[in-house]
Amino acid sequence: MSNNISWTAEAEAKLKEIPFFVRPAARKKIEKFAQEQGASEITVEIYALAKQQFG
């Protein structure tokens, strides 16, 4: 499984709202979630779904 997941500008902006010290872990979790959903790009929709799942 490759980690070549792209992020839309909007999703990147949302990610920047997460405190910097947890951002790398959050990014990994969201990318893993997206891969499990069969997505190759992280959009604000995928971001929102992942955020719901992880609380």
N, C-alpha and C. Protein backbone atom coordinates (compact mmCIF):
# COMPACT_ATOMS: atom_id res chain seq x y z
N MET A 1 0.85 -1.19 0.00
CA MET A 1 0.00 0.00 0.00
C MET A 1 0.89 1.25 0.00
N SER A 2 0.68 2.12 -0.94
CA SER A 2 1.52 3.31 -1.02
C SER A 2 0.90 4.46 -0.25
N ASN A 3 1.73 5.39 0.12
CA ASN A 3 1.25 6.54 0.88
C ASN A 3 1.13 7.77 0.00
N ASN A 4 0.90 7.56 -1.29
CA ASN A 4 0.82 8.68 -2.22
C ASN A 4 -0.58 9.29 -2.24
N ILE A 5 -0.96 9.83 -1.13
CA ILE A 5 -2.28 10.44 -1.03
C ILE A 5 -2.10 11.94 -1.13
N SER A 6 -2.88 12.56 -1.98
CA SER A 6 -2.79 14.01 -2.09
C SER A 6 -3.88 14.65 -1.24
N TRP A 7 -3.63 15.89 -0.89
CA TRP A 7 -4.57 16.67 -0.08
C TRP A 7 -5.02 17.86 -0.90
N THR A 8 -6.32 18.15 -0.86
CA THR A 8 -6.79 19.38 -1.51
C THR A 8 -6.34 20.55 -0.64
N ALA A 9 -6.29 21.73 -1.21
CA ALA A 9 -5.87 22.92 -0.47
C ALA A 9 -6.79 23.15 0.73
N GLU A 10 -8.09 22.89 0.53
CA GLU A 10 -9.06 23.10 1.60
C GLU A 10 -8.80 22.15 2.77
N ALA A 11 -8.52 20.88 2.44
CA ALA A 11 -8.25 19.89 3.49
C ALA A 11 -6.95 20.23 4.22
N GLU A 12 -5.93 20.68 3.48
CA GLU A 12 -4.67 21.11 4.10
C GLU A 12 -4.93 22.25 5.08
N ALA A 13 -5.79 23.18 4.68
CA ALA A 13 -6.11 24.32 5.55
C ALA A 13 -6.77 23.83 6.84
N LYS A 14 -7.66 22.84 6.72
CA LYS A 14 -8.32 22.28 7.90
C LYS A 14 -7.28 21.61 8.81
N LEU A 15 -6.33 20.90 8.19
CA LEU A 15 -5.30 20.21 8.96
C LEU A 15 -4.49 21.22 9.77
N LYS A 16 -4.28 22.40 9.22
CA LYS A 16 -3.49 23.43 9.91
C LYS A 16 -4.21 23.97 11.15
N GLU A 17 -5.50 23.67 11.29
CA GLU A 17 -6.24 24.08 12.48
C GLU A 17 -5.91 23.17 13.68
N ILE A 18 -5.33 22.01 13.39
CA ILE A 18 -4.95 21.06 14.43
C ILE A 18 -3.62 21.54 15.05
N PRO A 19 -3.49 21.50 16.37
CA PRO A 19 -2.22 21.93 16.99
C PRO A 19 -1.03 21.20 16.37
N PHE A 20 0.05 21.95 16.13
CA PHE A 20 1.18 21.41 15.38
C PHE A 20 1.77 20.14 15.98
N PHE A 21 1.71 19.99 17.31
CA PHE A 21 2.36 18.84 17.94
C PHE A 21 1.59 17.54 17.75
N VAL A 22 0.32 17.60 17.38
CA VAL A 22 -0.42 16.36 17.09
C VAL A 22 -0.71 16.22 15.60
N ARG A 23 -0.34 17.23 14.82
CA ARG A 23 -0.65 17.23 13.39
C ARG A 23 -0.08 16.03 12.63
N PRO A 24 1.20 15.65 12.85
CA PRO A 24 1.72 14.48 12.09
C PRO A 24 0.92 13.21 12.35
N ALA A 25 0.54 12.97 13.61
CA ALA A 25 -0.24 11.78 13.94
C ALA A 25 -1.63 11.87 13.31
N ALA A 26 -2.22 13.07 13.36
CA ALA A 26 -3.54 13.27 12.77
C ALA A 26 -3.49 13.04 11.27
N ARG A 27 -2.45 13.56 10.62
CA ARG A 27 -2.30 13.38 9.17
C ARG A 27 -2.23 11.90 8.83
N LYS A 28 -1.43 11.14 9.59
CA LYS A 28 -1.30 9.70 9.33
C LYS A 28 -2.64 8.99 9.48
N LYS A 29 -3.36 9.33 10.56
CA LYS A 29 -4.66 8.70 10.81
C LYS A 29 -5.65 9.01 9.68
N ILE A 30 -5.66 10.25 9.26
CA ILE A 30 -6.59 10.66 8.20
C ILE A 30 -6.23 9.98 6.88
N GLU A 31 -4.93 9.89 6.59
CA GLU A 31 -4.49 9.22 5.35
C GLU A 31 -4.85 7.74 5.39
N LYS A 32 -4.67 7.12 6.55
CA LYS A 32 -5.01 5.70 6.68
C LYS A 32 -6.52 5.51 6.49
N PHE A 33 -7.30 6.40 7.10
CA PHE A 33 -8.75 6.35 6.96
C PHE A 33 -9.14 6.49 5.49
N ALA A 34 -8.53 7.43 4.80
CA ALA A 34 -8.84 7.66 3.38
C ALA A 34 -8.52 6.42 2.55
N GLN A 35 -7.38 5.79 2.84
CA GLN A 35 -7.00 4.57 2.12
C GLN A 35 -8.02 3.47 2.36
N GLU A 36 -8.47 3.35 3.60
CA GLU A 36 -9.47 2.33 3.92
C GLU A 36 -10.79 2.60 3.20
N GLN A 37 -11.06 3.87 2.91
CA GLN A 37 -12.27 4.23 2.17
C GLN A 37 -12.07 4.10 0.66
N GLY A 38 -10.83 3.79 0.25
CA GLY A 38 -10.54 3.66 -1.17
C GLY A 38 -10.32 5.00 -1.86
N ALA A 39 -10.03 6.03 -1.08
CA ALA A 39 -9.82 7.36 -1.65
C ALA A 39 -8.35 7.58 -1.94
N SER A 40 -8.05 8.33 -2.98
CA SER A 40 -6.66 8.65 -3.29
C SER A 40 -6.35 10.11 -3.03
N GLU A 41 -7.39 10.85 -2.64
CA GLU A 41 -7.21 12.26 -2.35
C GLU A 41 -7.99 12.61 -1.09
N ILE A 42 -7.40 13.44 -0.24
CA ILE A 42 -8.10 13.86 0.96
C ILE A 42 -8.77 15.19 0.70
N THR A 43 -10.08 15.15 0.77
CA THR A 43 -10.90 16.34 0.55
C THR A 43 -11.46 16.76 1.91
N VAL A 44 -12.12 17.90 1.96
CA VAL A 44 -12.72 18.32 3.23
C VAL A 44 -13.77 17.31 3.69
N GLU A 45 -14.43 16.64 2.75
CA GLU A 45 -15.43 15.64 3.12
C GLU A 45 -14.78 14.45 3.82
N ILE A 46 -13.69 13.95 3.24
CA ILE A 46 -12.97 12.82 3.86
C ILE A 46 -12.42 13.27 5.22
N TYR A 47 -11.89 14.48 5.26
CA TYR A 47 -11.35 15.03 6.50
C TYR A 47 -12.43 15.03 7.59
N ALA A 48 -13.62 15.52 7.22
CA ALA A 48 -14.73 15.60 8.18
C ALA A 48 -15.15 14.21 8.65
N LEU A 49 -15.22 13.26 7.73
CA LEU A 49 -15.58 11.89 8.10
C LEU A 49 -14.56 11.30 9.05
N ALA A 50 -13.28 11.50 8.76
CA ALA A 50 -12.22 10.98 9.60
C ALA A 50 -12.29 11.62 10.98
N LYS A 51 -12.52 12.92 11.01
CA LYS A 51 -12.60 13.65 12.28
C LYS A 51 -13.76 13.12 13.13
N GLN A 52 -14.88 12.83 12.48
CA GLN A 52 -16.03 12.26 13.19
C GLN A 52 -15.66 10.92 13.81
N GLN A 53 -14.94 10.11 13.02
CA GLN A 53 -14.59 8.77 13.47
C GLN A 53 -13.62 8.81 14.66
N PHE A 54 -12.68 9.75 14.62
CA PHE A 54 -11.65 9.80 15.66
C PHE A 54 -12.00 10.73 16.80
N GLY A 55 -13.10 11.45 16.67
CA GLY A 55 -13.54 12.32 17.76
C GLY A 55 -12.87 13.63 17.75
